[in-house]
Amino acid sequence: MAMTLRYEGVKPEAFEQLRAKLKTYGIDLSNQQGSFNEKGVSGTYNYSPEAEQLNLDDLKVGFPASMMISADKLQQRMDEIMVQHGARPQR
């Protein structure tokens, strides 16, 4: 099942921290918007530094990533990183 995650108040530093953390999972967010499909984790993203908003759409965790992390756990980790840097999850 695909998830949609939305964050407000995302400062550039928070986006960089998220990018660095996701890179440890093999997911490279190389621009402010795009798509990714690495090791079973896929989705699209759009970061607006002016609006301080980050949207992740159609986020899915499949094989082989699903053997190590669930979609709920990935969301939890992303929420933790964002909150640590002052962003707010929007559900």
PDB file of N, CA and C in Angstrom:
ATOM      1  N   MET A   1       0.832  -1.177   0.000  1.00  0.00           N
ATOM      2  CA  MET A   1       0.000   0.000   0.000  1.00  0.00           C
ATOM      3  C   MET A   1       0.882   1.249   0.000  1.00  0.00           C
ATOM      4  N   ALA A   2       0.583   2.162  -0.896  1.00  0.00           N
ATOM      5  CA  ALA A   2       1.370   3.389  -1.014  1.00  0.00           C
ATOM      6  C   ALA A   2       0.958   4.396   0.053  1.00  0.00           C
ATOM      7  N   MET A   3       1.932   5.145   0.514  1.00  0.00           N
ATOM      8  CA  MET A   3       1.687   6.169   1.531  1.00  0.00           C
ATOM      9  C   MET A   3       1.992   7.546   0.954  1.00  0.00           C
ATOM     10  N   THR A   4       1.378   8.547   1.547  1.00  0.00           N
ATOM     11  CA  THR A   4       1.681   9.936   1.256  1.00  0.00           C
ATOM     12  C   THR A   4       2.096  10.591   2.564  1.00  0.00           C
ATOM     13  N   LEU A   5       3.259  11.221   2.555  1.00  0.00           N
ATOM     14  CA  LEU A   5       3.765  11.914   3.738  1.00  0.00           C
ATOM     15  C   LEU A   5       3.932  13.384   3.403  1.00  0.00           C
ATOM     16  N   ARG A   6       3.497  14.239   4.311  1.00  0.00           N
ATOM     17  CA  ARG A   6       3.606  15.680   4.135  1.00  0.00           C
ATOM     18  C   ARG A   6       4.219  16.292   5.390  1.00  0.00           C
ATOM     19  N   TYR A   7       5.148  17.202   5.166  1.00  0.00           N
ATOM     20  CA  TYR A   7       5.805  17.881   6.283  1.00  0.00           C
ATOM     21  C   TYR A   7       5.811  19.380   6.021  1.00  0.00           C
ATOM     22  N   GLU A   8       5.548  20.154   7.069  1.00  0.00           N
ATOM     23  CA  GLU A   8       5.616  21.611   7.005  1.00  0.00           C
ATOM     24  C   GLU A   8       6.713  22.095   7.940  1.00  0.00           C
ATOM     25  N   GLY A   9       7.232  23.278   7.652  1.00  0.00           N
ATOM     26  CA  GLY A   9       8.292  23.843   8.480  1.00  0.00           C
ATOM     27  C   GLY A   9       9.630  23.161   8.252  1.00  0.00           C
ATOM     28  N   VAL A  10       9.832  22.645   7.035  1.00  0.00           N
ATOM     29  CA  VAL A  10      11.065  21.912   6.719  1.00  0.00           C
ATOM     30  C   VAL A  10      12.134  22.899   6.267  1.00  0.00           C
ATOM     31  N   LYS A  11      13.037  23.197   7.160  1.00  0.00           N
ATOM     32  CA  LYS A  11      14.168  24.061   6.839  1.00  0.00           C
ATOM     33  C   LYS A  11      15.136  23.285   5.935  1.00  0.00           C
ATOM     34  N   PRO A  12      15.957  23.991   5.172  1.00  0.00           N
ATOM     35  CA  PRO A  12      16.932  23.307   4.323  1.00  0.00           C
ATOM     36  C   PRO A  12      17.817  22.325   5.095  1.00  0.00           C
ATOM     37  N   GLU A  13      18.155  22.660   6.348  1.00  0.00           N
ATOM     38  CA  GLU A  13      18.989  21.761   7.150  1.00  0.00           C
ATOM     39  C   GLU A  13      18.269  20.438   7.418  1.00  0.00           C
ATOM     40  N   ALA A  14      16.974  20.499   7.657  1.00  0.00           N
ATOM     41  CA  ALA A  14      16.194  19.283   7.909  1.00  0.00           C
ATOM     42  C   ALA A  14      16.128  18.425   6.653  1.00  0.00           C
ATOM     43  N   PHE A  15      15.951  19.066   5.499  1.00  0.00           N
ATOM     44  CA  PHE A  15      15.921  18.318   4.242  1.00  0.00           C
ATOM     45  C   PHE A  15      17.263  17.639   4.000  1.00  0.00           C
ATOM     46  N   GLU A  16      18.351  18.335   4.294  1.00  0.00           N
ATOM     47  CA  GLU A  16      19.681  17.742   4.123  1.00  0.00           C
ATOM     48  C   GLU A  16      19.879  16.552   5.064  1.00  0.00           C
ATOM     49  N   GLN A  17      19.394  16.657   6.295  1.00  0.00           N
ATOM     50  CA  GLN A  17      19.500  15.538   7.239  1.00  0.00           C
ATOM     51  C   GLN A  17      18.708  14.336   6.744  1.00  0.00           C
ATOM     52  N   LEU A  18      17.506  14.576   6.226  1.00  0.00           N
ATOM     53  CA  LEU A  18      16.699  13.485   5.683  1.00  0.00           C
ATOM     54  C   LEU A  18      17.397  12.859   4.490  1.00  0.00           C
ATOM     55  N   ARG A  19      17.936  13.686   3.609  1.00  0.00           N
ATOM     56  CA  ARG A  19      18.659  13.162   2.439  1.00  0.00           C
ATOM     57  C   ARG A  19      19.827  12.285   2.874  1.00  0.00           C
ATOM     58  N   ALA A  20      20.577  12.747   3.872  1.00  0.00           N
ATOM     59  CA  ALA A  20      21.731  11.981   4.358  1.00  0.00           C
ATOM     60  C   ALA A  20      21.289  10.651   4.960  1.00  0.00           C
ATOM     61  N   LYS A  21      20.209  10.670   5.738  1.00  0.00           N
ATOM     62  CA  LYS A  21      19.723   9.440   6.366  1.00  0.00           C
ATOM     63  C   LYS A  21      19.217   8.461   5.313  1.00  0.00           C
ATOM     64  N   LEU A  22      18.441   8.948   4.353  1.00  0.00           N
ATOM     65  CA  LEU A  22      17.920   8.061   3.312  1.00  0.00           C
ATOM     66  C   LEU A  22      19.038   7.496   2.447  1.00  0.00           C
ATOM     67  N   LYS A  23      20.109   8.275   2.283  1.00  0.00           N
ATOM     68  CA  LYS A  23      21.245   7.785   1.494  1.00  0.00           C
ATOM     69  C   LYS A  23      21.868   6.555   2.151  1.00  0.00           C
ATOM     70  N   THR A  24      21.804   6.466   3.497  1.00  0.00           N
ATOM     71  CA  THR A  24      22.333   5.277   4.177  1.00  0.00           C
ATOM     72  C   THR A  24      21.506   4.042   3.842  1.00  0.00           C
ATOM     73  N   TYR A  25      20.254   4.256   3.399  1.00  0.00           N
ATOM     74  CA  TYR A  25      19.395   3.151   2.954  1.00  0.00           C
ATOM     75  C   TYR A  25      19.519   2.916   1.451  1.00  0.00           C
ATOM     76  N   GLY A  26      20.392   3.680   0.791  1.00  0.00           N
ATOM     77  CA  GLY A  26      20.565   3.534  -0.642  1.00  0.00           C
ATOM     78  C   GLY A  26      19.609   4.368  -1.470  1.00  0.00           C
ATOM     79  N   ILE A  27      18.907   5.301  -0.834  1.00  0.00           N
ATOM     80  CA  ILE A  27      17.943   6.150  -1.536  1.00  0.00           C
ATOM     81  C   ILE A  27      18.565   7.525  -1.724  1.00  0.00           C
ATOM     82  N   ASP A  28      18.710   7.937  -2.977  1.00  0.00           N
ATOM     83  CA  ASP A  28      19.369   9.201  -3.280  1.00  0.00           C
ATOM     84  C   ASP A  28      18.348  10.234  -3.739  1.00  0.00           C
ATOM     85  N   LEU A  29      18.110  11.241  -2.915  1.00  0.00           N
ATOM     86  CA  LEU A  29      17.275  12.377  -3.299  1.00  0.00           C
ATOM     87  C   LEU A  29      18.226  13.464  -3.785  1.00  0.00           C
ATOM     88  N   SER A  30      18.572  13.418  -5.067  1.00  0.00           N
ATOM     89  CA  SER A  30      19.641  14.272  -5.568  1.00  0.00           C
ATOM     90  C   SER A  30      19.202  15.700  -5.872  1.00  0.00           C
ATOM     91  N   ASN A  31      17.919  15.938  -6.022  1.00  0.00           N
ATOM     92  CA  ASN A  31      17.408  17.276  -6.313  1.00  0.00           C
ATOM     93  C   ASN A  31      16.306  17.624  -5.325  1.00  0.00           C
ATOM     94  N   GLN A  32      15.647  18.741  -5.570  1.00  0.00           N
ATOM     95  CA  GLN A  32      14.540  19.129  -4.701  1.00  0.00           C
ATOM     96  C   GLN A  32      13.234  18.455  -5.090  1.00  0.00           C
ATOM     97  N   GLN A  33      13.223  17.807  -6.239  1.00  0.00           N
ATOM     98  CA  GLN A  33      12.053  17.034  -6.631  1.00  0.00           C
ATOM     99  C   GLN A  33      12.485  15.918  -7.560  1.00  0.00           C
ATOM    100  N   GLY A  34      11.698  14.866  -7.573  1.00  0.00           N
ATOM    101  CA  GLY A  34      12.019  13.749  -8.437  1.00  0.00           C
ATOM    102  C   GLY A  34      11.371  12.477  -7.942  1.00  0.00           C
ATOM    103  N   SER A  35      11.941  11.383  -8.378  1.00  0.00           N
ATOM    104  CA  SER A  35      11.445  10.078  -7.955  1.00  0.00           C
ATOM    105  C   SER A  35      12.630   9.213  -7.572  1.00  0.00           C
ATOM    106  N   PHE A  36      12.335   8.143  -6.857  1.00  0.00           N
ATOM    107  CA  PHE A  36      13.374   7.204  -6.451  1.00  0.00           C
ATOM    108  C   PHE A  36      12.794   5.803  -6.483  1.00  0.00           C
ATOM    109  N   ASN A  37      13.669   4.859  -6.724  1.00  0.00           N
ATOM    110  CA  ASN A  37      13.297   3.450  -6.728  1.00  0.00           C
ATOM    111  C   ASN A  37      14.575   2.668  -6.466  1.00  0.00           C
ATOM    112  N   GLU A  38      14.864   2.463  -5.200  1.00  0.00           N
ATOM    113  CA  GLU A  38      16.105   1.819  -4.792  1.00  0.00           C
ATOM    114  C   GLU A  38      15.831   0.733  -3.771  1.00  0.00           C
ATOM    115  N   LYS A  39      16.344  -0.429  -4.020  1.00  0.00           N
ATOM    116  CA  LYS A  39      16.300  -1.539  -3.056  1.00  0.00           C
ATOM    117  C   LYS A  39      14.896  -1.817  -2.533  1.00  0.00           C
ATOM    118  N   GLY A  40      13.899  -1.605  -3.383  1.00  0.00           N
ATOM    119  CA  GLY A  40      12.528  -1.897  -3.000  1.00  0.00           C
ATOM    120  C   GLY A  40      11.764  -0.735  -2.417  1.00  0.00           C
ATOM    121  N   VAL A  41      12.418   0.409  -2.216  1.00  0.00           N
ATOM    122  CA  VAL A  41      11.730   1.600  -1.719  1.00  0.00           C
ATOM    123  C   VAL A  41      11.546   2.550  -2.900  1.00  0.00           C
ATOM    124  N   SER A  42      10.291   2.943  -3.132  1.00  0.00           N
ATOM    125  CA  SER A  42      10.026   3.813  -4.274  1.00  0.00           C
ATOM    126  C   SER A  42       9.035   4.905  -3.895  1.00  0.00           C
ATOM    127  N   GLY A  43       9.042   5.959  -4.689  1.00  0.00           N
ATOM    128  CA  GLY A  43       8.109   7.055  -4.485  1.00  0.00           C
ATOM    129  C   GLY A  43       8.557   8.287  -5.247  1.00  0.00           C
ATOM    130  N   THR A  44       7.810   9.357  -5.066  1.00  0.00           N
ATOM    131  CA  THR A  44       8.165  10.648  -5.639  1.00  0.00           C
ATOM    132  C   THR A  44       8.233  11.671  -4.508  1.00  0.00           C
ATOM    133  N   TYR A  45       8.976  12.736  -4.738  1.00  0.00           N
ATOM    134  CA  TYR A  45       9.121  13.756  -3.698  1.00  0.00           C
ATOM    135  C   TYR A  45       9.189  15.135  -4.322  1.00  0.00           C
ATOM    136  N   ASN A  46       8.811  16.120  -3.532  1.00  0.00           N
ATOM    137  CA  ASN A  46       8.883  17.515  -3.940  1.00  0.00           C
ATOM    138  C   ASN A  46       9.170  18.342  -2.693  1.00  0.00           C
ATOM    139  N   TYR A  47      10.307  19.019  -2.685  1.00  0.00           N
ATOM    140  CA  TYR A  47      10.680  19.883  -1.568  1.00  0.00           C
ATOM    141  C   TYR A  47      10.692  21.326  -2.043  1.00  0.00           C
ATOM    142  N   SER A  48       9.988  22.185  -1.330  1.00  0.00           N
ATOM    143  CA  SER A  48       9.974  23.613  -1.621  1.00  0.00           C
ATOM    144  C   SER A  48      10.628  24.349  -0.456  1.00  0.00           C
ATOM    145  N   PRO A  49      11.884  24.803  -0.627  1.00  0.00           N
ATOM    146  CA  PRO A  49      12.532  25.528   0.464  1.00  0.00           C
ATOM    147  C   PRO A  49      11.827  26.853   0.770  1.00  0.00           C
ATOM    148  N   GLU A  50      11.224  27.482  -0.241  1.00  0.00           N
ATOM    149  CA  GLU A  50      10.522  28.749  -0.016  1.00  0.00           C
ATOM    150  C   GLU A  50       9.307  28.547   0.887  1.00  0.00           C
ATOM    151  N   ALA A  51       8.530  27.496   0.623  1.00  0.00           N
ATOM    152  CA  ALA A  51       7.331  27.203   1.419  1.00  0.00           C
ATOM    153  C   ALA A  51       7.651  26.336   2.633  1.00  0.00           C
ATOM    154  N   GLU A  52       8.888  25.834   2.695  1.00  0.00           N
ATOM    155  CA  GLU A  52       9.325  24.919   3.760  1.00  0.00           C
ATOM    156  C   GLU A  52       8.395  23.708   3.856  1.00  0.00           C
ATOM    157  N   GLN A  53       8.100  23.109   2.687  1.00  0.00           N
ATOM    158  CA  GLN A  53       7.232  21.937   2.623  1.00  0.00           C
ATOM    159  C   GLN A  53       7.930  20.807   1.887  1.00  0.00           C
ATOM    160  N   LEU A  54       7.715  19.599   2.398  1.00  0.00           N
ATOM    161  CA  LEU A  54       8.205  18.392   1.753  1.00  0.00           C
ATOM    162  C   LEU A  54       7.034  17.439   1.599  1.00  0.00           C
ATOM    163  N   ASN A  55       6.822  16.988   0.370  1.00  0.00           N
ATOM    164  CA  ASN A  55       5.777  16.018   0.072  1.00  0.00           C
ATOM    165  C   ASN A  55       6.417  14.764  -0.501  1.00  0.00           C
ATOM    166  N   LEU A  56       6.059  13.635   0.057  1.00  0.00           N
ATOM    167  CA  LEU A  56       6.472  12.343  -0.471  1.00  0.00           C
ATOM    168  C   LEU A  56       5.196  11.608  -0.862  1.00  0.00           C
ATOM    169  N   ASP A  57       5.095  11.241  -2.122  1.00  0.00           N
ATOM    170  CA  ASP A  57       3.895  10.596  -2.637  1.00  0.00           C
ATOM    171  C   ASP A  57       4.220   9.204  -3.157  1.00  0.00           C
ATOM    172  N   ASP A  58       3.206   8.365  -3.119  1.00  0.00           N
ATOM    173  CA  ASP A  58       3.294   7.007  -3.649  1.00  0.00           C
ATOM    174  C   ASP A  58       4.474   6.240  -3.041  1.00  0.00           C
ATOM    175  N   LEU A  59       4.732   6.480  -1.742  1.00  0.00           N
ATOM    176  CA  LEU A  59       5.838   5.834  -1.034  1.00  0.00           C
ATOM    177  C   LEU A  59       5.495   4.371  -0.771  1.00  0.00           C
ATOM    178  N   LYS A  60       6.351   3.487  -1.269  1.00  0.00           N
ATOM    179  CA  LYS A  60       6.135   2.047  -1.113  1.00  0.00           C
ATOM    180  C   LYS A  60       7.426   1.387  -0.643  1.00  0.00           C
ATOM    181  N   VAL A  61       7.275   0.372   0.185  1.00  0.00           N
ATOM    182  CA  VAL A  61       8.412  -0.434   0.625  1.00  0.00           C
ATOM    183  C   VAL A  61       8.145  -1.862   0.168  1.00  0.00           C
ATOM    184  N   GLY A  62       8.952  -2.326  -0.769  1.00  0.00           N
ATOM    185  CA  GLY A  62       8.824  -3.681  -1.297  1.00  0.00           C
ATOM    186  C   GLY A  62      10.098  -4.461  -1.071  1.00  0.00           C
ATOM    187  N   PHE A  63      10.177  -5.626  -1.675  1.00  0.00           N
ATOM    188  CA  PHE A  63      11.343  -6.489  -1.542  1.00  0.00           C
ATOM    189  C   PHE A  63      12.518  -5.856  -2.279  1.00  0.00           C
ATOM    190  N   PRO A  64      13.714  -5.874  -1.749  1.00  0.00           N
ATOM    191  CA  PRO A  64      14.202  -6.532  -0.549  1.00  0.00           C
ATOM    192  C   PRO A  64      14.123  -5.671   0.715  1.00  0.00           C
ATOM    193  N   ALA A  65      13.815  -4.369   0.569  1.00  0.00           N
ATOM    194  CA  ALA A  65      13.780  -3.485   1.744  1.00  0.00           C
ATOM    195  C   ALA A  65      12.789  -3.959   2.791  1.00  0.00           C
ATOM    196  N   SER A  66      11.696  -4.561   2.343  1.00  0.00           N
ATOM    197  CA  SER A  66      10.649  -4.988   3.281  1.00  0.00           C
ATOM    198  C   SER A  66      11.128  -6.060   4.249  1.00  0.00           C
ATOM    199  N   MET A  67      12.252  -6.679   3.953  1.00  0.00           N
ATOM    200  CA  MET A  67      12.814  -7.668   4.878  1.00  0.00           C
ATOM    201  C   MET A  67      13.464  -6.980   6.081  1.00  0.00           C
ATOM    202  N   MET A  68      13.803  -5.694   5.931  1.00  0.00           N
ATOM    203  CA  MET A  68      14.508  -4.978   6.991  1.00  0.00           C
ATOM    204  C   MET A  68      13.676  -3.865   7.616  1.00  0.00           C
ATOM    205  N   ILE A  69      12.760  -3.281   6.849  1.00  0.00           N
ATOM    206  CA  ILE A  69      11.993  -2.139   7.354  1.00  0.00           C
ATOM    207  C   ILE A  69      10.601  -2.143   6.734  1.00  0.00           C
ATOM    208  N   SER A  70       9.618  -1.863   7.553  1.00  0.00           N
ATOM    209  CA  SER A  70       8.243  -1.763   7.057  1.00  0.00           C
ATOM    210  C   SER A  70       7.967  -0.317   6.653  1.00  0.00           C
ATOM    211  N   ALA A  71       6.904  -0.120   5.914  1.00  0.00           N
ATOM    212  CA  ALA A  71       6.516   1.237   5.528  1.00  0.00           C
ATOM    213  C   ALA A  71       6.216   2.081   6.764  1.00  0.00           C
ATOM    214  N   ASP A  72       5.562   1.483   7.754  1.00  0.00           N
ATOM    215  CA  ASP A  72       5.256   2.218   8.988  1.00  0.00           C
ATOM    216  C   ASP A  72       6.524   2.629   9.724  1.00  0.00           C
ATOM    217  N   LYS A  73       7.506   1.744   9.763  1.00  0.00           N
ATOM    218  CA  LYS A  73       8.769   2.044  10.448  1.00  0.00           C
ATOM    219  C   LYS A  73       9.539   3.136   9.689  1.00  0.00           C
ATOM    220  N   LEU A  74       9.508   3.074   8.365  1.00  0.00           N
ATOM    221  CA  LEU A  74      10.167   4.107   7.569  1.00  0.00           C
ATOM    222  C   LEU A  74       9.507   5.459   7.833  1.00  0.00           C
ATOM    223  N   GLN A  75       8.185   5.490   7.871  1.00  0.00           N
ATOM    224  CA  GLN A  75       7.468   6.728   8.182  1.00  0.00           C
ATOM    225  C   GLN A  75       7.850   7.235   9.564  1.00  0.00           C
ATOM    226  N   GLN A  76       7.919   6.344  10.537  1.00  0.00           N
ATOM    227  CA  GLN A  76       8.284   6.731  11.902  1.00  0.00           C
ATOM    228  C   GLN A  76       9.678   7.351  11.936  1.00  0.00           C
ATOM    229  N   ARG A  77      10.624   6.745  11.246  1.00  0.00           N
ATOM    230  CA  ARG A  77      11.995   7.278  11.236  1.00  0.00           C
ATOM    231  C   ARG A  77      12.059   8.638  10.546  1.00  0.00           C
ATOM    232  N   MET A  78      11.319   8.774   9.450  1.00  0.00           N
ATOM    233  CA  MET A  78      11.300  10.054   8.751  1.00  0.00           C
ATOM    234  C   MET A  78      10.651  11.125   9.619  1.00  0.00           C
ATOM    235  N   ASP A  79       9.557  10.776  10.299  1.00  0.00           N
ATOM    236  CA  ASP A  79       8.906  11.719  11.216  1.00  0.00           C
ATOM    237  C   ASP A  79       9.880  12.168  12.305  1.00  0.00           C
ATOM    238  N   GLU A  80      10.634  11.228  12.870  1.00  0.00           N
ATOM    239  CA  GLU A  80      11.588  11.560  13.930  1.00  0.00           C
ATOM    240  C   GLU A  80      12.634  12.552  13.441  1.00  0.00           C
ATOM    241  N   ILE A  81      13.177  12.316  12.257  1.00  0.00           N
ATOM    242  CA  ILE A  81      14.192  13.214  11.706  1.00  0.00           C
ATOM    243  C   ILE A  81      13.606  14.604  11.492  1.00  0.00           C
ATOM    244  N   MET A  82      12.431  14.658  10.916  1.00  0.00           N
ATOM    245  CA  MET A  82      11.802  15.950  10.634  1.00  0.00           C
ATOM    246  C   MET A  82      11.490  16.714  11.920  1.00  0.00           C
ATOM    247  N   VAL A  83      10.925  16.029  12.920  1.00  0.00           N
ATOM    248  CA  VAL A  83      10.576  16.677  14.189  1.00  0.00           C
ATOM    249  C   VAL A  83      11.831  17.172  14.906  1.00  0.00           C
ATOM    250  N   GLN A  84      12.917  16.397  14.850  1.00  0.00           N
ATOM    251  CA  GLN A  84      14.176  16.817  15.472  1.00  0.00           C
ATOM    252  C   GLN A  84      14.659  18.147  14.912  1.00  0.00           C
ATOM    253  N   HIS A  85      14.282  18.434  13.670  1.00  0.00           N
ATOM    254  CA  HIS A  85      14.742  19.656  13.012  1.00  0.00           C
ATOM    255  C   HIS A  85      13.635  20.694  12.868  1.00  0.00           C
ATOM    256  N   GLY A  86      12.581  20.551  13.666  1.00  0.00           N
ATOM    257  CA  GLY A  86      11.556  21.581  13.735  1.00  0.00           C
ATOM    258  C   GLY A  86      10.410  21.470  12.744  1.00  0.00           C
ATOM    259  N   ALA A  87      10.386  20.430  11.933  1.00  0.00           N
ATOM    260  CA  ALA A  87       9.293  20.261  10.971  1.00  0.00           C
ATOM    261  C   ALA A  87       8.112  19.562  11.642  1.00  0.00           C
ATOM    262  N   ARG A  88       6.961  19.678  11.009  1.00  0.00           N
ATOM    263  CA  ARG A  88       5.741  19.077  11.548  1.00  0.00           C
ATOM    264  C   ARG A  88       5.124  18.133  10.527  1.00  0.00           C
ATOM    265  N   PRO A  89       4.907  16.874  10.914  1.00  0.00           N
ATOM    266  CA  PRO A  89       4.180  15.959  10.017  1.00  0.00           C
ATOM    267  C   PRO A  89       2.733  16.424   9.862  1.00  0.00           C
ATOM    268  N   GLN A  90       2.202  16.324   8.670  1.00  0.00           N
ATOM    269  CA  GLN A  90       0.807  16.670   8.386  1.00  0.00           C
ATOM    270  C   GLN A  90       0.088  15.403   7.956  1.00  0.00           C
ATOM    271  N   ARG A  91      -0.916  14.998   8.704  1.00  0.00           N
ATOM    272  CA  ARG A  91      -1.665  13.781   8.350  1.00  0.00           C
ATOM    273  C   ARG A  91      -3.104  14.111   8.127  1.00  0.00           C
TER     274      ARG A  91
END
